Every structure is written in C-alpha cells, then in structure tokens.
Amino acid sequence: VQLQASGGGSVQAGGSLRLSCAASGFTIGSHVMGWFRQAPGNEREFVAAFNWGGVTFYADSVKGRFTISRDYAKNTIYLQLSNLKPEDAADYYCAMMRPLGNIRDKKNYDYWGQGTQVTVSS
C-alpha cells in the first residue's frame, strides 16, 4: 500500500489549490479515504473523507471551502482547497482507514501518505 500526495504550494489568502493523492496496492473505491492536516505545534486534525457509500464528511472549519473527490480510473483522491485562509496553512496528509471506526479520528487510519505543504500568506 502506498499513498503519494502532491499539489501543495504557496498562495495568497483567498487563493486555491488542488491536492492529489495517488494510491497504489489497493483500490480506493474499497476503502474509506480521508485528508488530515497538521500545522507546526498542533495535533493532526481531520479535514475531509469519503465513507463506504461515497458520502462526504468535512471539518466545520473547511465546510463550503474544501471539496473532496476521487477518480476511480486514476485510483486517486483529491482535495480542492478554495478561499484559503492563513489558518489553513499546514502539511496535508491523505490516509486510508481501517474497516471500522470513527471516520474523523486519525487513530483509525492505518496508511498515510507523506505530507504536502500548503502555505497561505495574508
């Protein structure tokens, strides 16, 4: 199992980015997939995820601004970040969850990609 995250960068407040997470060794459609982020000195926090049925979940802080999506053909999930704020700056991680558990709890995710850094200037 491998997850390769990319797409981070430096933008001004109000800008947009699209993060990608290419999966290998498994099929994304068979697993709960999520995005988390971690700013320096902070805990890793939930951002967005799909459940088994494709229902999406978002942290309140990003709802209406971020959109999680997936491309089965490319076995890749995405996170569209829009209207970025300085407080969105962090390393963003994609992850695959074990079969059962709270979708918002990082402890339930077994496989993680490397982080991709997002910097937002005011």
N, C-alpha and C. Protein backbone atom coordinates (compact mmCIF):
# COMPACT_ATOMS: atom_id res chain seq x y z
N VAL A 1 0.84 -1.19 0.00
CA VAL A 1 0.00 0.00 0.00
C VAL A 1 0.87 1.24 0.00
N GLN A 2 0.60 2.12 -0.95
CA GLN A 2 1.33 3.39 -0.99
C GLN A 2 0.37 4.52 -1.33
N LEU A 3 0.60 5.66 -0.69
CA LEU A 3 -0.16 6.86 -0.95
C LEU A 3 0.83 7.98 -1.23
N GLN A 4 0.67 8.63 -2.36
CA GLN A 4 1.60 9.68 -2.78
C GLN A 4 0.83 10.98 -2.93
N ALA A 5 1.04 11.88 -1.99
CA ALA A 5 0.35 13.17 -2.00
C ALA A 5 1.17 14.21 -2.73
N SER A 6 0.49 15.11 -3.40
CA SER A 6 1.17 16.19 -4.12
C SER A 6 0.21 17.37 -4.28
N GLY A 7 0.74 18.48 -4.79
CA GLY A 7 -0.11 19.62 -5.11
C GLY A 7 -0.04 20.78 -4.16
N GLY A 8 0.71 20.63 -3.08
CA GLY A 8 0.83 21.74 -2.15
C GLY A 8 1.60 22.90 -2.77
N GLY A 9 1.56 24.02 -2.09
CA GLY A 9 2.25 25.20 -2.60
C GLY A 9 1.99 26.40 -1.72
N SER A 10 2.39 27.55 -2.24
CA SER A 10 2.24 28.79 -1.51
C SER A 10 1.26 29.70 -2.26
N VAL A 11 0.22 30.14 -1.58
CA VAL A 11 -0.79 31.00 -2.20
C VAL A 11 -1.12 32.15 -1.27
N GLN A 12 -1.75 33.16 -1.83
CA GLN A 12 -2.25 34.25 -1.00
C GLN A 12 -3.63 33.89 -0.46
N ALA A 13 -4.00 34.55 0.61
CA ALA A 13 -5.33 34.35 1.17
C ALA A 13 -6.38 34.58 0.10
N GLY A 14 -7.37 33.71 0.06
CA GLY A 14 -8.40 33.78 -0.97
C GLY A 14 -8.10 32.92 -2.17
N GLY A 15 -6.90 32.42 -2.26
CA GLY A 15 -6.49 31.60 -3.39
C GLY A 15 -6.94 30.16 -3.28
N SER A 16 -6.56 29.37 -4.28
CA SER A 16 -6.98 27.97 -4.36
C SER A 16 -5.81 27.05 -4.68
N LEU A 17 -5.96 25.81 -4.28
CA LEU A 17 -5.01 24.75 -4.62
C LEU A 17 -5.80 23.46 -4.78
N ARG A 18 -5.25 22.52 -5.55
CA ARG A 18 -5.84 21.19 -5.60
C ARG A 18 -4.76 20.18 -5.22
N LEU A 19 -5.03 19.45 -4.15
CA LEU A 19 -4.13 18.40 -3.70
C LEU A 19 -4.56 17.07 -4.32
N SER A 20 -3.57 16.24 -4.63
CA SER A 20 -3.83 14.92 -5.17
C SER A 20 -3.20 13.87 -4.29
N CYS A 21 -3.79 12.68 -4.29
CA CYS A 21 -3.24 11.56 -3.54
C CYS A 21 -3.41 10.32 -4.41
N ALA A 22 -2.31 9.89 -5.02
CA ALA A 22 -2.33 8.71 -5.87
C ALA A 22 -2.10 7.47 -5.03
N ALA A 23 -3.00 6.50 -5.16
CA ALA A 23 -2.92 5.28 -4.37
C ALA A 23 -2.42 4.12 -5.23
N SER A 24 -1.68 3.23 -4.60
CA SER A 24 -1.24 2.01 -5.27
C SER A 24 -1.26 0.86 -4.27
N GLY A 25 -1.46 -0.33 -4.79
CA GLY A 25 -1.51 -1.51 -3.93
C GLY A 25 -2.89 -1.84 -3.41
N PHE A 26 -3.86 -0.98 -3.71
CA PHE A 26 -5.24 -1.23 -3.32
C PHE A 26 -6.14 -0.35 -4.17
N THR A 27 -7.44 -0.58 -4.09
CA THR A 27 -8.40 0.20 -4.85
C THR A 27 -9.11 1.18 -3.94
N ILE A 28 -9.08 2.46 -4.28
CA ILE A 28 -9.64 3.48 -3.38
C ILE A 28 -11.13 3.28 -3.17
N GLY A 29 -11.82 2.70 -4.14
CA GLY A 29 -13.26 2.52 -4.01
C GLY A 29 -13.65 1.51 -2.97
N SER A 30 -12.70 0.73 -2.49
CA SER A 30 -12.98 -0.30 -1.50
C SER A 30 -12.65 0.14 -0.08
N HIS A 31 -12.25 1.39 0.07
CA HIS A 31 -11.79 1.85 1.38
C HIS A 31 -12.29 3.26 1.68
N VAL A 32 -12.41 3.54 2.96
CA VAL A 32 -12.65 4.90 3.40
C VAL A 32 -11.34 5.66 3.25
N MET A 33 -11.39 6.80 2.59
CA MET A 33 -10.20 7.61 2.36
C MET A 33 -10.41 9.00 2.94
N GLY A 34 -9.35 9.55 3.52
CA GLY A 34 -9.51 10.86 4.14
C GLY A 34 -8.30 11.75 3.98
N TRP A 35 -8.50 13.01 4.29
CA TRP A 35 -7.44 14.02 4.34
C TRP A 35 -7.37 14.58 5.75
N PHE A 36 -6.15 14.76 6.23
CA PHE A 36 -5.88 15.39 7.51
C PHE A 36 -4.86 16.49 7.29
N ARG A 37 -4.69 17.33 8.27
CA ARG A 37 -3.65 18.35 8.18
C ARG A 37 -3.02 18.56 9.55
N GLN A 38 -1.79 19.05 9.51
CA GLN A 38 -1.07 19.30 10.76
C GLN A 38 -0.23 20.55 10.60
N ALA A 39 -0.53 21.54 11.42
CA ALA A 39 0.26 22.76 11.46
C ALA A 39 1.32 22.61 12.54
N PRO A 40 2.43 23.34 12.43
CA PRO A 40 3.50 23.23 13.43
C PRO A 40 2.98 23.45 14.83
N GLY A 41 3.33 22.53 15.72
CA GLY A 41 2.92 22.65 17.11
C GLY A 41 1.51 22.18 17.40
N ASN A 42 0.80 21.76 16.38
CA ASN A 42 -0.59 21.32 16.55
C ASN A 42 -0.73 19.82 16.32
N GLU A 43 -1.84 19.28 16.82
CA GLU A 43 -2.19 17.89 16.54
C GLU A 43 -2.64 17.77 15.08
N ARG A 44 -2.47 16.56 14.54
CA ARG A 44 -3.00 16.29 13.22
C ARG A 44 -4.53 16.27 13.31
N GLU A 45 -5.20 16.99 12.43
CA GLU A 45 -6.65 17.11 12.53
C GLU A 45 -7.34 16.68 11.26
N PHE A 46 -8.56 16.20 11.44
CA PHE A 46 -9.39 15.76 10.32
C PHE A 46 -9.79 16.94 9.45
N VAL A 47 -9.78 16.70 8.13
CA VAL A 47 -10.21 17.72 7.18
C VAL A 47 -11.43 17.25 6.40
N ALA A 48 -11.32 16.09 5.74
CA ALA A 48 -12.42 15.60 4.89
C ALA A 48 -12.23 14.11 4.63
N ALA A 49 -13.33 13.42 4.28
CA ALA A 49 -13.25 11.99 3.98
C ALA A 49 -14.49 11.53 3.23
N PHE A 50 -14.34 10.39 2.55
CA PHE A 50 -15.46 9.64 1.99
C PHE A 50 -15.74 8.45 2.89
N ASN A 51 -17.01 8.10 3.09
CA ASN A 51 -17.27 6.82 3.74
C ASN A 51 -17.48 5.75 2.66
N TRP A 52 -17.90 4.57 3.09
CA TRP A 52 -18.07 3.44 2.16
C TRP A 52 -19.04 3.76 1.04
N GLY A 53 -20.07 4.50 1.36
CA GLY A 53 -21.08 4.79 0.36
C GLY A 53 -20.79 6.02 -0.48
N GLY A 54 -19.62 6.61 -0.28
CA GLY A 54 -19.27 7.79 -1.04
C GLY A 54 -19.79 9.07 -0.44
N VAL A 55 -20.38 8.99 0.75
CA VAL A 55 -20.85 10.20 1.44
C VAL A 55 -19.63 10.95 1.94
N THR A 56 -19.66 12.26 1.80
CA THR A 56 -18.51 13.07 2.20
C THR A 56 -18.71 13.69 3.58
N PHE A 57 -17.62 13.86 4.27
CA PHE A 57 -17.60 14.46 5.60
C PHE A 57 -16.53 15.55 5.60
N TYR A 58 -16.83 16.64 6.28
CA TYR A 58 -15.88 17.75 6.35
C TYR A 58 -15.78 18.27 7.78
N ALA A 59 -14.61 18.77 8.10
CA ALA A 59 -14.46 19.53 9.34
C ALA A 59 -15.25 20.83 9.19
N ASP A 60 -15.82 21.30 10.28
CA ASP A 60 -16.60 22.54 10.22
C ASP A 60 -15.77 23.70 9.69
N SER A 61 -14.49 23.71 10.00
CA SER A 61 -13.63 24.83 9.62
C SER A 61 -13.40 24.94 8.12
N VAL A 62 -13.67 23.85 7.37
CA VAL A 62 -13.41 23.87 5.93
C VAL A 62 -14.69 23.69 5.10
N LYS A 63 -15.80 23.41 5.76
CA LYS A 63 -17.04 23.15 5.04
C LYS A 63 -17.41 24.34 4.18
N GLY A 64 -17.74 24.07 2.93
CA GLY A 64 -18.10 25.13 2.00
C GLY A 64 -16.91 25.71 1.25
N ARG A 65 -15.70 25.38 1.69
CA ARG A 65 -14.50 25.91 1.02
C ARG A 65 -13.65 24.80 0.40
N PHE A 66 -13.66 23.61 1.02
CA PHE A 66 -12.87 22.48 0.53
C PHE A 66 -13.82 21.43 -0.03
N THR A 67 -13.34 20.71 -1.05
CA THR A 67 -14.14 19.64 -1.65
C THR A 67 -13.26 18.42 -1.89
N ILE A 68 -13.70 17.28 -1.35
CA ILE A 68 -13.00 16.03 -1.58
C ILE A 68 -13.66 15.32 -2.76
N SER A 69 -12.84 14.71 -3.60
CA SER A 69 -13.37 13.99 -4.76
C SER A 69 -12.43 12.82 -5.08
N ARG A 70 -12.83 12.00 -6.01
CA ARG A 70 -12.00 10.85 -6.36
C ARG A 70 -12.19 10.48 -7.82
N ASP A 71 -11.16 9.87 -8.37
CA ASP A 71 -11.16 9.39 -9.75
C ASP A 71 -10.79 7.92 -9.71
N TYR A 72 -11.79 7.05 -9.93
CA TYR A 72 -11.53 5.62 -9.83
C TYR A 72 -10.53 5.17 -10.89
N ALA A 73 -10.64 5.72 -12.08
CA ALA A 73 -9.76 5.29 -13.17
C ALA A 73 -8.30 5.56 -12.84
N LYS A 74 -8.07 6.68 -12.15
CA LYS A 74 -6.69 7.04 -11.79
C LYS A 74 -6.33 6.55 -10.39
N ASN A 75 -7.29 5.96 -9.70
CA ASN A 75 -7.08 5.48 -8.33
C ASN A 75 -6.48 6.60 -7.46
N THR A 76 -7.11 7.75 -7.57
CA THR A 76 -6.59 8.96 -6.94
C THR A 76 -7.72 9.72 -6.26
N ILE A 77 -7.42 10.27 -5.09
CA ILE A 77 -8.37 11.18 -4.45
C ILE A 77 -7.80 12.59 -4.49
N TYR A 78 -8.69 13.55 -4.39
CA TYR A 78 -8.31 14.96 -4.50
C TYR A 78 -8.90 15.75 -3.36
N LEU A 79 -8.28 16.88 -3.08
CA LEU A 79 -8.86 17.84 -2.15
C LEU A 79 -8.71 19.22 -2.77
N GLN A 80 -9.83 19.78 -3.19
CA GLN A 80 -9.83 21.14 -3.73
C GLN A 80 -9.94 22.12 -2.58
N LEU A 81 -8.97 22.99 -2.46
CA LEU A 81 -8.93 23.99 -1.41
C LEU A 81 -9.25 25.35 -2.04
N SER A 82 -10.31 25.97 -1.60
CA SER A 82 -10.70 27.27 -2.15
C SER A 82 -10.85 28.28 -1.02
N ASN A 83 -10.79 29.57 -1.40
CA ASN A 83 -10.92 30.64 -0.42
C ASN A 83 -10.01 30.38 0.80
N LEU A 84 -8.76 30.10 0.51
CA LEU A 84 -7.83 29.73 1.57
C LEU A 84 -7.59 30.87 2.54
N LYS A 85 -7.42 30.49 3.79
CA LYS A 85 -7.16 31.44 4.87
C LYS A 85 -5.79 31.11 5.47
N PRO A 86 -5.15 32.09 6.11
CA PRO A 86 -3.85 31.81 6.73
C PRO A 86 -3.89 30.63 7.70
N GLU A 87 -5.02 30.45 8.36
CA GLU A 87 -5.12 29.34 9.33
C GLU A 87 -5.24 27.98 8.65
N ASP A 88 -5.37 27.94 7.33
CA ASP A 88 -5.37 26.68 6.61
C ASP A 88 -3.95 26.17 6.33
N ALA A 89 -2.95 27.00 6.59
CA ALA A 89 -1.57 26.60 6.33
C ALA A 89 -1.19 25.41 7.21
N ALA A 90 -0.66 24.35 6.57
CA ALA A 90 -0.33 23.11 7.27
C ALA A 90 0.27 22.14 6.27
N ASP A 91 0.77 21.03 6.80
CA ASP A 91 1.08 19.87 5.96
C ASP A 91 -0.19 19.05 5.86
N TYR A 92 -0.56 18.70 4.63
CA TYR A 92 -1.78 17.93 4.38
C TYR A 92 -1.41 16.49 4.05
N TYR A 93 -2.14 15.56 4.67
CA TYR A 93 -1.88 14.13 4.53
C TYR A 93 -3.13 13.41 4.05
N CYS A 94 -2.95 12.48 3.11
CA CYS A 94 -4.05 11.59 2.76
C CYS A 94 -3.83 10.27 3.50
N ALA A 95 -4.92 9.56 3.73
CA ALA A 95 -4.83 8.34 4.52
C ALA A 95 -5.95 7.37 4.16
N MET A 96 -5.69 6.09 4.43
CA MET A 96 -6.68 5.04 4.24
C MET A 96 -7.09 4.51 5.60
N MET A 97 -8.39 4.40 5.81
CA MET A 97 -8.90 4.00 7.10
C MET A 97 -9.08 2.48 7.20
N ARG A 98 -8.94 1.95 8.38
CA ARG A 98 -9.28 0.56 8.63
C ARG A 98 -10.78 0.40 8.48
N PRO A 99 -11.30 -0.87 8.39
CA PRO A 99 -12.71 -1.07 8.03
C PRO A 99 -13.73 -0.42 8.96
N LEU A 100 -13.41 -0.32 10.25
CA LEU A 100 -14.41 0.21 11.17
C LEU A 100 -13.82 1.32 12.04
N GLY A 101 -14.65 2.23 12.45
CA GLY A 101 -14.20 3.26 13.36
C GLY A 101 -14.75 4.61 13.00
N ASN A 102 -14.44 5.57 13.86
CA ASN A 102 -14.86 6.95 13.65
C ASN A 102 -14.05 7.55 12.51
N ILE A 103 -14.75 7.99 11.50
CA ILE A 103 -14.10 8.48 10.28
C ILE A 103 -13.27 9.74 10.54
N ARG A 104 -13.56 10.44 11.62
CA ARG A 104 -12.86 11.70 11.92
C ARG A 104 -11.65 11.51 12.84
N ASP A 105 -11.41 10.28 13.29
CA ASP A 105 -10.36 10.01 14.25
C ASP A 105 -9.13 9.46 13.55
N LYS A 106 -8.03 10.17 13.63
CA LYS A 106 -6.81 9.76 12.93
C LYS A 106 -6.31 8.39 13.40
N LYS A 107 -6.67 8.01 14.60
CA LYS A 107 -6.22 6.71 15.13
C LYS A 107 -6.78 5.54 14.31
N ASN A 108 -7.84 5.77 13.57
CA ASN A 108 -8.46 4.70 12.79
C ASN A 108 -7.91 4.59 11.38
N TYR A 109 -6.91 5.36 11.06
CA TYR A 109 -6.30 5.31 9.73
C TYR A 109 -4.97 4.58 9.82
N ASP A 110 -4.83 3.56 8.98
CA ASP A 110 -3.65 2.69 9.07
C ASP A 110 -2.54 3.10 8.11
N TYR A 111 -2.88 3.68 6.99
CA TYR A 111 -1.87 4.01 5.98
C TYR A 111 -1.92 5.49 5.67
N TRP A 112 -0.74 6.08 5.60
CA TRP A 112 -0.62 7.52 5.40
C TRP A 112 0.34 7.83 4.26
N GLY A 113 0.00 8.85 3.51
CA GLY A 113 0.95 9.37 2.54
C GLY A 113 1.90 10.34 3.22
N GLN A 114 2.91 10.79 2.49
CA GLN A 114 3.77 11.82 3.03
C GLN A 114 3.01 13.15 2.94
N GLY A 115 3.34 14.10 3.73
CA GLY A 115 2.62 15.37 3.72
C GLY A 115 2.97 16.21 2.50
N THR A 116 2.02 17.05 2.13
CA THR A 116 2.29 18.07 1.11
C THR A 116 1.96 19.42 1.75
N GLN A 117 2.89 20.35 1.65
CA GLN A 117 2.81 21.58 2.42
C GLN A 117 1.98 22.64 1.72
N VAL A 118 1.10 23.26 2.48
CA VAL A 118 0.31 24.39 2.00
C VAL A 118 0.66 25.61 2.84
N THR A 119 1.05 26.67 2.19
CA THR A 119 1.39 27.93 2.84
C THR A 119 0.44 29.01 2.33
N VAL A 120 -0.15 29.77 3.25
CA VAL A 120 -1.11 30.81 2.87
C VAL A 120 -0.65 32.13 3.48
N SER A 121 -0.41 33.09 2.62
CA SER A 121 0.03 34.40 3.10
C SER A 121 -1.15 35.37 3.11
N SER A 122 -1.12 36.24 4.09
CA SER A 122 -2.25 37.20 4.23
C SER A 122 -1.99 38.48 3.45
